[in-house]
PDB file of all heavy atoms in Angstrom:
ATOM      1  N   SER A   1      -6.676  14.875 -14.929  1.00  0.00           N
ATOM      2  CA  SER A   1      -6.999  16.348 -14.990  1.00  0.00           C
ATOM      3  C   SER A   1      -8.377  16.416 -15.551  1.00  0.00           C
ATOM      4  O   SER A   1      -8.873  15.629 -16.400  1.00  0.00           O
ATOM      5  CB  SER A   1      -5.998  17.028 -15.942  1.00  0.00           C
ATOM      6  OG  SER A   1      -4.661  16.797 -15.526  1.00  0.00           O
ATOM      7  N   CYS A   2      -9.073  17.461 -15.237  1.00  0.00           N
ATOM      8  CA  CYS A   2     -10.355  17.846 -15.741  1.00  0.00           C
ATOM      9  C   CYS A   2     -10.287  19.361 -16.169  1.00  0.00           C
ATOM     10  O   CYS A   2     -10.278  20.161 -15.208  1.00  0.00           O
ATOM     11  CB  CYS A   2     -11.428  17.662 -14.706  1.00  0.00           C
ATOM     12  SG  CYS A   2     -13.098  18.032 -15.166  1.00  0.00           S
ATOM     13  N   ALA A   3     -10.197  19.445 -17.459  1.00  0.00           N
ATOM     14  CA  ALA A   3     -10.136  20.893 -17.953  1.00  0.00           C
ATOM     15  C   ALA A   3     -11.517  21.381 -18.264  1.00  0.00           C
ATOM     16  O   ALA A   3     -12.309  20.733 -19.081  1.00  0.00           O
ATOM     17  CB  ALA A   3      -9.112  20.952 -19.191  1.00  0.00           C
ATOM     18  N   ALA A   4     -11.767  22.598 -17.970  1.00  0.00           N
ATOM     19  CA  ALA A   4     -13.064  23.225 -18.199  1.00  0.00           C
ATOM     20  C   ALA A   4     -12.965  24.356 -19.141  1.00  0.00           C
ATOM     21  O   ALA A   4     -12.006  25.032 -19.187  1.00  0.00           O
ATOM     22  CB  ALA A   4     -13.679  23.702 -16.807  1.00  0.00           C
ATOM     23  N   SER A   5     -14.001  24.496 -19.870  1.00  0.00           N
ATOM     24  CA  SER A   5     -14.174  25.604 -20.840  1.00  0.00           C
ATOM     25  C   SER A   5     -15.517  26.040 -20.838  1.00  0.00           C
ATOM     26  O   SER A   5     -16.485  25.303 -20.525  1.00  0.00           O
ATOM     27  CB  SER A   5     -13.736  25.243 -22.186  1.00  0.00           C
ATOM     28  OG  SER A   5     -14.538  24.206 -22.844  1.00  0.00           O
ATOM     29  N   GLY A   6     -15.762  27.286 -21.207  1.00  0.00           N
ATOM     30  CA  GLY A   6     -17.182  27.876 -21.180  1.00  0.00           C
ATOM     31  C   GLY A   6     -17.547  28.626 -20.133  1.00  0.00           C
ATOM     32  O   GLY A   6     -18.380  29.462 -20.126  1.00  0.00           O
ATOM     33  N   ARG A   7     -17.038  28.392 -18.853  1.00  0.00           N
ATOM     34  CA  ARG A   7     -17.126  29.194 -17.701  1.00  0.00           C
ATOM     35  C   ARG A   7     -16.076  28.865 -16.719  1.00  0.00           C
ATOM     36  O   ARG A   7     -15.520  27.747 -16.711  1.00  0.00           O
ATOM     37  CB  ARG A   7     -18.521  28.989 -17.078  1.00  0.00           C
ATOM     38  CG  ARG A   7     -18.793  27.624 -16.621  1.00  0.00           C
ATOM     39  CD  ARG A   7     -20.073  27.537 -15.797  1.00  0.00           C
ATOM     40  NE  ARG A   7     -19.977  28.407 -14.525  1.00  0.00           N
ATOM     41  CZ  ARG A   7     -20.986  28.497 -13.724  1.00  0.00           C
ATOM     42  NH1 ARG A   7     -22.160  27.965 -13.920  1.00  0.00           N
ATOM     43  NH2 ARG A   7     -20.916  29.201 -12.591  1.00  0.00           N
ATOM     44  N   THR A   8     -15.968  29.845 -15.789  1.00  0.00           N
ATOM     45  CA  THR A   8     -14.869  29.528 -14.764  1.00  0.00           C
ATOM     46  C   THR A   8     -15.465  28.488 -13.746  1.00  0.00           C
ATOM     47  O   THR A   8     -16.591  28.432 -13.493  1.00  0.00           O
ATOM     48  CB  THR A   8     -14.593  30.821 -14.118  1.00  0.00           C
ATOM     49  OG1 THR A   8     -13.672  30.590 -12.883  1.00  0.00           O
ATOM     50  CG2 THR A   8     -15.872  31.392 -13.247  1.00  0.00           C
ATOM     51  N   LEU A   9     -14.402  27.765 -13.156  1.00  0.00           N
ATOM     52  CA  LEU A   9     -14.679  26.830 -12.027  1.00  0.00           C
ATOM     53  C   LEU A   9     -14.738  27.352 -10.804  1.00  0.00           C
ATOM     54  O   LEU A   9     -14.875  26.625  -9.744  1.00  0.00           O
ATOM     55  CB  LEU A   9     -13.753  25.483 -12.149  1.00  0.00           C
ATOM     56  CG  LEU A   9     -13.718  24.752 -13.479  1.00  0.00           C
ATOM     57  CD1 LEU A   9     -12.732  23.609 -13.370  1.00  0.00           C
ATOM     58  CD2 LEU A   9     -15.209  24.253 -13.709  1.00  0.00           C
ATOM     59  N   ARG A  10     -14.319  28.690 -10.744  1.00  0.00           N
ATOM     60  CA  ARG A  10     -14.163  29.314  -9.343  1.00  0.00           C
ATOM     61  C   ARG A  10     -15.516  29.172  -8.412  1.00  0.00           C
ATOM     62  O   ARG A  10     -15.313  29.025  -7.230  1.00  0.00           O
ATOM     63  CB  ARG A  10     -13.821  30.781  -9.517  1.00  0.00           C
ATOM     64  CG  ARG A  10     -12.393  31.079 -10.200  1.00  0.00           C
ATOM     65  CD  ARG A  10     -12.235  32.567 -10.335  1.00  0.00           C
ATOM     66  NE  ARG A  10     -10.972  32.890 -11.024  1.00  0.00           N
ATOM     67  CZ  ARG A  10      -9.806  32.880 -10.432  1.00  0.00           C
ATOM     68  NH1 ARG A  10      -9.765  32.770  -9.116  1.00  0.00           N
ATOM     69  NH2 ARG A  10      -8.728  33.061 -11.118  1.00  0.00           N
ATOM     70  N   SER A  11     -16.618  29.250  -9.053  1.00  0.00           N
ATOM     71  CA  SER A  11     -17.860  29.342  -8.283  1.00  0.00           C
ATOM     72  C   SER A  11     -18.745  28.001  -8.479  1.00  0.00           C
ATOM     73  O   SER A  11     -19.902  28.130  -8.335  1.00  0.00           O
ATOM     74  CB  SER A  11     -18.682  30.657  -8.622  1.00  0.00           C
ATOM     75  OG  SER A  11     -18.939  30.581  -9.988  1.00  0.00           O
ATOM     76  N   VAL A  12     -18.026  26.864  -8.771  1.00  0.00           N
ATOM     77  CA  VAL A  12     -18.924  25.606  -8.898  1.00  0.00           C
ATOM     78  C   VAL A  12     -18.124  24.576  -7.965  1.00  0.00           C
ATOM     79  O   VAL A  12     -17.083  24.737  -7.599  1.00  0.00           O
ATOM     80  CB  VAL A  12     -18.997  25.262 -10.228  1.00  0.00           C
ATOM     81  CG1 VAL A  12     -19.699  26.126 -11.082  1.00  0.00           C
ATOM     82  CG2 VAL A  12     -17.651  24.881 -10.858  1.00  0.00           C
ATOM     83  N   THR A  13     -18.971  23.664  -7.566  1.00  0.00           N
ATOM     84  CA  THR A  13     -18.548  22.505  -6.833  1.00  0.00           C
ATOM     85  C   THR A  13     -18.041  21.482  -7.887  1.00  0.00           C
ATOM     86  O   THR A  13     -18.733  21.136  -8.875  1.00  0.00           O
ATOM     87  CB  THR A  13     -19.545  21.859  -5.986  1.00  0.00           C
ATOM     88  OG1 THR A  13     -19.700  22.720  -4.823  1.00  0.00           O
ATOM     89  CG2 THR A  13     -19.206  20.466  -5.445  1.00  0.00           C
ATOM     90  N   MET A  14     -16.811  20.875  -7.637  1.00  0.00           N
ATOM     91  CA  MET A  14     -16.282  19.960  -8.662  1.00  0.00           C
ATOM     92  C   MET A  14     -16.111  18.560  -8.003  1.00  0.00           C
ATOM     93  O   MET A  14     -15.584  18.512  -6.889  1.00  0.00           O
ATOM     94  CB  MET A  14     -15.011  20.375  -9.213  1.00  0.00           C
ATOM     95  CG  MET A  14     -15.130  21.675 -10.050  1.00  0.00           C
ATOM     96  SD  MET A  14     -16.045  21.348 -11.532  1.00  0.00           S
ATOM     97  CE  MET A  14     -15.178  20.140 -12.230  1.00  0.00           C
ATOM     98  N   GLY A  15     -16.691  17.526  -8.643  1.00  0.00           N
ATOM     99  CA  GLY A  15     -16.502  16.181  -8.139  1.00  0.00           C
ATOM    100  C   GLY A  15     -15.904  15.317  -9.067  1.00  0.00           C
ATOM    101  O   GLY A  15     -15.880  15.496 -10.325  1.00  0.00           O
ATOM    102  N   TRP A  16     -15.339  14.174  -8.588  1.00  0.00           N
ATOM    103  CA  TRP A  16     -14.886  13.059  -9.401  1.00  0.00           C
ATOM    104  C   TRP A  16     -15.719  11.794  -8.985  1.00  0.00           C
ATOM    105  O   TRP A  16     -15.953  11.549  -7.806  1.00  0.00           O
ATOM    106  CB  TRP A  16     -13.413  12.822  -9.122  1.00  0.00           C
ATOM    107  CG  TRP A  16     -12.402  13.706  -9.744  1.00  0.00           C
ATOM    108  CD1 TRP A  16     -11.845  14.695  -9.244  1.00  0.00           C
ATOM    109  CD2 TRP A  16     -11.873  13.560 -11.043  1.00  0.00           C
ATOM    110  NE1 TRP A  16     -11.074  15.409 -10.143  1.00  0.00           N
ATOM    111  CE2 TRP A  16     -11.113  14.658 -11.310  1.00  0.00           C
ATOM    112  CE3 TRP A  16     -12.129  12.726 -12.239  1.00  0.00           C
ATOM    113  CZ2 TRP A  16     -10.333  14.895 -12.429  1.00  0.00           C
ATOM    114  CZ3 TRP A  16     -11.517  12.996 -13.250  1.00  0.00           C
ATOM    115  CH2 TRP A  16     -10.694  13.972 -13.501  1.00  0.00           C
ATOM    116  N   PHE A  17     -16.117  11.063  -9.919  1.00  0.00           N
ATOM    117  CA  PHE A  17     -16.894   9.834  -9.714  1.00  0.00           C
ATOM    118  C   PHE A  17     -16.351   8.756 -10.622  1.00  0.00           C
ATOM    119  O   PHE A  17     -15.512   9.089 -11.580  1.00  0.00           O
ATOM    120  CB  PHE A  17     -18.375  10.124 -10.198  1.00  0.00           C
ATOM    121  CG  PHE A  17     -19.101  11.033  -9.351  1.00  0.00           C
ATOM    122  CD1 PHE A  17     -18.977  12.347  -9.506  1.00  0.00           C
ATOM    123  CD2 PHE A  17     -20.013  10.558  -8.272  1.00  0.00           C
ATOM    124  CE1 PHE A  17     -19.639  13.240  -8.605  1.00  0.00           C
ATOM    125  CE2 PHE A  17     -20.675  11.453  -7.457  1.00  0.00           C
ATOM    126  CZ  PHE A  17     -20.473  12.874  -7.681  1.00  0.00           C
ATOM    127  N   ARG A  18     -16.608   7.599 -10.357  1.00  0.00           N
ATOM    128  CA  ARG A  18     -16.136   6.390 -11.219  1.00  0.00           C
ATOM    129  C   ARG A  18     -17.113   5.446 -11.415  1.00  0.00           C
ATOM    130  O   ARG A  18     -18.147   5.273 -10.503  1.00  0.00           O
ATOM    131  CB  ARG A  18     -14.779   5.893 -10.461  1.00  0.00           C
ATOM    132  CG  ARG A  18     -15.036   5.179  -9.142  1.00  0.00           C
ATOM    133  CD  ARG A  18     -13.759   4.784  -8.604  1.00  0.00           C
ATOM    134  NE  ARG A  18     -13.930   4.056  -7.426  1.00  0.00           N
ATOM    135  CZ  ARG A  18     -12.849   3.705  -6.638  1.00  0.00           C
ATOM    136  NH1 ARG A  18     -11.594   4.000  -7.004  1.00  0.00           N
ATOM    137  NH2 ARG A  18     -13.049   3.034  -5.436  1.00  0.00           N
ATOM    138  N   GLN A  19     -17.020   4.719 -12.396  1.00  0.00           N
ATOM    139  CA  GLN A  19     -18.013   3.568 -12.734  1.00  0.00           C
ATOM    140  C   GLN A  19     -17.283   2.387 -13.252  1.00  0.00           C
ATOM    141  O   GLN A  19     -16.670   2.646 -14.305  1.00  0.00           O
ATOM    142  CB  GLN A  19     -19.090   4.031 -13.677  1.00  0.00           C
ATOM    143  CG  GLN A  19     -20.175   3.008 -13.772  1.00  0.00           C
ATOM    144  CD  GLN A  19     -21.456   3.574 -14.425  1.00  0.00           C
ATOM    145  OE1 GLN A  19     -21.395   4.600 -15.072  1.00  0.00           O
ATOM    146  NE2 GLN A  19     -22.531   2.787 -14.263  1.00  0.00           N
ATOM    147  N   ALA A  20     -17.335   1.308 -12.601  1.00  0.00           N
ATOM    148  CA  ALA A  20     -16.725   0.083 -13.152  1.00  0.00           C
ATOM    149  C   ALA A  20     -17.786  -0.700 -13.862  1.00  0.00           C
ATOM    150  O   ALA A  20     -18.920  -0.542 -13.610  1.00  0.00           O
ATOM    151  CB  ALA A  20     -16.120  -0.746 -11.905  1.00  0.00           C
ATOM    152  N   PRO A  21     -17.339  -1.572 -14.821  1.00  0.00           N
ATOM    153  CA  PRO A  21     -18.269  -2.478 -15.506  1.00  0.00           C
ATOM    154  C   PRO A  21     -19.192  -3.235 -14.544  1.00  0.00           C
ATOM    155  O   PRO A  21     -18.797  -3.869 -13.677  1.00  0.00           O
ATOM    156  CB  PRO A  21     -17.379  -3.401 -16.386  1.00  0.00           C
ATOM    157  CG  PRO A  21     -16.039  -2.612 -16.491  1.00  0.00           C
ATOM    158  CD  PRO A  21     -15.952  -1.882 -15.190  1.00  0.00           C
ATOM    159  N   GLY A  22     -20.574  -3.174 -14.922  1.00  0.00           N
ATOM    160  CA  GLY A  22     -21.458  -3.793 -14.163  1.00  0.00           C
ATOM    161  C   GLY A  22     -21.791  -3.232 -12.777  1.00  0.00           C
ATOM    162  O   GLY A  22     -22.649  -3.931 -12.061  1.00  0.00           O
ATOM    163  N   LYS A  23     -21.320  -1.996 -12.522  1.00  0.00           N
ATOM    164  CA  LYS A  23     -21.522  -1.419 -11.233  1.00  0.00           C
ATOM    165  C   LYS A  23     -22.091  -0.058 -11.356  1.00  0.00           C
ATOM    166  O   LYS A  23     -22.040   0.537 -12.506  1.00  0.00           O
ATOM    167  CB  LYS A  23     -20.221  -1.390 -10.398  1.00  0.00           C
ATOM    168  CG  LYS A  23     -19.619  -2.818 -10.023  1.00  0.00           C
ATOM    169  CD  LYS A  23     -18.430  -2.547  -9.014  1.00  0.00           C
ATOM    170  CE  LYS A  23     -17.831  -3.928  -8.599  1.00  0.00           C
ATOM    171  NZ  LYS A  23     -16.802  -3.836  -7.718  1.00  0.00           N
ATOM    172  N   GLU A  24     -22.659   0.336 -10.329  1.00  0.00           N
ATOM    173  CA  GLU A  24     -23.218   1.710 -10.421  1.00  0.00           C
ATOM    174  C   GLU A  24     -22.163   2.805 -10.165  1.00  0.00           C
ATOM    175  O   GLU A  24     -20.988   2.440  -9.682  1.00  0.00           O
ATOM    176  CB  GLU A  24     -24.236   1.877  -9.278  1.00  0.00           C
ATOM    177  CG  GLU A  24     -25.426   1.110  -9.390  1.00  0.00           C
ATOM    178  CD  GLU A  24     -26.480   1.427  -8.426  1.00  0.00           C
ATOM    179  OE1 GLU A  24     -26.316   2.283  -7.542  1.00  0.00           O
ATOM    180  OE2 GLU A  24     -27.629   0.881  -8.468  1.00  0.00           O
ATOM    181  N   ARG A  25     -22.450   4.047 -10.728  1.00  0.00           N
ATOM    182  CA  ARG A  25     -21.489   5.175 -10.590  1.00  0.00           C
ATOM    183  C   ARG A  25     -21.255   5.427  -9.079  1.00  0.00           C
ATOM    184  O   ARG A  25     -22.379   5.378  -8.340  1.00  0.00           O
ATOM    185  CB  ARG A  25     -22.089   6.353 -11.185  1.00  0.00           C
ATOM    186  CG  ARG A  25     -21.223   7.616 -11.097  1.00  0.00           C
ATOM    187  CD  ARG A  25     -21.861   8.750 -11.762  1.00  0.00           C
ATOM    188  NE  ARG A  25     -21.761   8.657 -13.154  1.00  0.00           N
ATOM    189  CZ  ARG A  25     -22.501   9.416 -14.077  1.00  0.00           C
ATOM    190  NH1 ARG A  25     -23.329  10.189 -13.679  1.00  0.00           N
ATOM    191  NH2 ARG A  25     -22.227   9.224 -15.359  1.00  0.00           N
ATOM    192  N   GLU A  26     -20.085   5.683  -8.579  1.00  0.00           N
ATOM    193  CA  GLU A  26     -19.857   5.912  -7.243  1.00  0.00           C
ATOM    194  C   GLU A  26     -19.003   7.162  -7.009  1.00  0.00           C
ATOM    195  O   GLU A  26     -18.177   7.560  -7.945  1.00  0.00           O
ATOM    196  CB  GLU A  26     -19.199   4.621  -6.485  1.00  0.00           C
ATOM    197  CG  GLU A  26     -17.803   4.385  -7.061  1.00  0.00           C
ATOM    198  CD  GLU A  26     -17.063   3.293  -6.035  1.00  0.00           C
ATOM    199  OE1 GLU A  26     -17.676   3.033  -4.998  1.00  0.00           O
ATOM    200  OE2 GLU A  26     -16.052   2.946  -6.478  1.00  0.00           O
ATOM    201  N   PHE A  27     -19.181   7.809  -5.977  1.00  0.00           N
ATOM    202  CA  PHE A  27     -18.510   9.027  -5.591  1.00  0.00           C
ATOM    203  C   PHE A  27     -17.089   8.746  -5.257  1.00  0.00           C
ATOM    204  O   PHE A  27     -16.841   7.648  -4.551  1.00  0.00           O
ATOM    205  CB  PHE A  27     -19.195   9.638  -4.444  1.00  0.00           C
ATOM    206  CG  PHE A  27     -18.366  10.737  -3.720  1.00  0.00           C
ATOM    207  CD1 PHE A  27     -18.231  12.019  -4.261  1.00  0.00           C
ATOM    208  CD2 PHE A  27     -17.829  10.308  -2.542  1.00  0.00           C
ATOM    209  CE1 PHE A  27     -17.361  12.746  -3.642  1.00  0.00           C
ATOM    210  CE2 PHE A  27     -17.014  11.318  -1.756  1.00  0.00           C
ATOM    211  CZ  PHE A  27     -16.830  12.560  -2.274  1.00  0.00           C
ATOM    212  N   VAL A  28     -16.208   9.557  -5.679  1.00  0.00           N
ATOM    213  CA  VAL A  28     -14.793   9.359  -5.316  1.00  0.00           C
ATOM    214  C   VAL A  28     -14.187  10.651  -4.408  1.00  0.00           C
ATOM    215  O   VAL A  28     -13.739  10.372  -3.406  1.00  0.00           O
ATOM    216  CB  VAL A  28     -13.924   9.336  -6.558  1.00  0.00           C
ATOM    217  CG1 VAL A  28     -12.472   9.192  -6.141  1.00  0.00           C
ATOM    218  CG2 VAL A  28     -14.302   8.182  -7.400  1.00  0.00           C
ATOM    219  N   ALA A  29     -14.489  11.739  -5.041  1.00  0.00           N
ATOM    220  CA  ALA A  29     -13.888  12.989  -4.217  1.00  0.00           C
ATOM    221  C   ALA A  29     -14.552  14.105  -4.728  1.00  0.00           C
ATOM    222  O   ALA A  29     -15.091  14.269  -5.807  1.00  0.00           O
ATOM    223  CB  ALA A  29     -12.411  13.088  -4.447  1.00  0.00           C
ATOM    224  N   VAL A  30     -14.563  15.128  -3.825  1.00  0.00           N
ATOM    225  CA  VAL A  30     -15.213  16.452  -4.249  1.00  0.00           C
ATOM    226  C   VAL A  30     -14.494  17.738  -3.655  1.00  0.00           C
ATOM    227  O   VAL A  30     -14.123  17.594  -2.464  1.00  0.00           O
ATOM    228  CB  VAL A  30     -16.696  16.579  -3.848  1.00  0.00           C
ATOM    229  CG1 VAL A  30     -16.851  16.415  -2.271  1.00  0.00           C
ATOM    230  CG2 VAL A  30     -17.397  17.802  -4.304  1.00  0.00           C
ATOM    231  N   ASP A  31     -14.423  18.843  -4.428  1.00  0.00           N
ATOM    232  CA  ASP A  31     -13.919  19.934  -3.883  1.00  0.00           C
ATOM    233  C   ASP A  31     -15.083  21.030  -3.936  1.00  0.00           C
ATOM    234  O   ASP A  31     -15.574  21.331  -5.081  1.00  0.00           O
ATOM    235  CB  ASP A  31     -12.848  20.528  -4.732  1.00  0.00           C
ATOM    236  CG  ASP A  31     -12.161  21.803  -4.225  1.00  0.00           C
ATOM    237  OD1 ASP A  31     -12.829  22.783  -3.784  1.00  0.00           O
ATOM    238  OD2 ASP A  31     -10.868  21.946  -4.289  1.00  0.00           O
ATOM    239  N   SER A  32     -15.654  21.391  -2.887  1.00  0.00           N
ATOM    240  CA  SER A  32     -16.969  22.042  -2.824  1.00  0.00           C
ATOM    241  C   SER A  32     -16.899  23.565  -2.760  1.00  0.00           C
ATOM    242  O   SER A  32     -15.865  23.984  -2.128  1.00  0.00           O
ATOM    243  CB  SER A  32     -17.912  21.446  -1.740  1.00  0.00           C
ATOM    244  OG  SER A  32     -17.229  21.748  -0.362  1.00  0.00           O
ATOM    245  N   TRP A  33     -17.740  24.146  -3.330  1.00  0.00           N
ATOM    246  CA  TRP A  33     -17.738  25.677  -3.282  1.00  0.00           C
ATOM    247  C   TRP A  33     -18.725  26.022  -2.186  1.00  0.00           C
ATOM    248  O   TRP A  33     -19.711  25.288  -2.020  1.00  0.00           O
ATOM    249  CB  TRP A  33     -18.310  26.184  -4.803  1.00  0.00           C
ATOM    250  CG  TRP A  33     -18.462  27.652  -4.877  1.00  0.00           C
ATOM    251  CD1 TRP A  33     -17.379  28.522  -5.200  1.00  0.00           C
ATOM    252  CD2 TRP A  33     -19.532  28.516  -4.556  1.00  0.00           C
ATOM    253  NE1 TRP A  33     -17.786  29.851  -5.087  1.00  0.00           N
ATOM    254  CE2 TRP A  33     -19.209  29.890  -4.832  1.00  0.00           C
ATOM    255  CE3 TRP A  33     -20.827  28.228  -4.271  1.00  0.00           C
ATOM    256  CZ2 TRP A  33     -19.994  30.948  -4.527  1.00  0.00           C
ATOM    257  CZ3 TRP A  33     -21.825  29.193  -4.049  1.00  0.00           C
ATOM    258  CH2 TRP A  33     -21.292  30.652  -4.189  1.00  0.00           C
TER     259      TRP A  33
END
């Protein structure tokens, strides 16, 4: 879960990324606005 505060998520693109030890951050999934 990714809970947001401070502004609504209705009008933004939200993504999930991951980073394993010794590796670069990589894209996982996105729900785009």
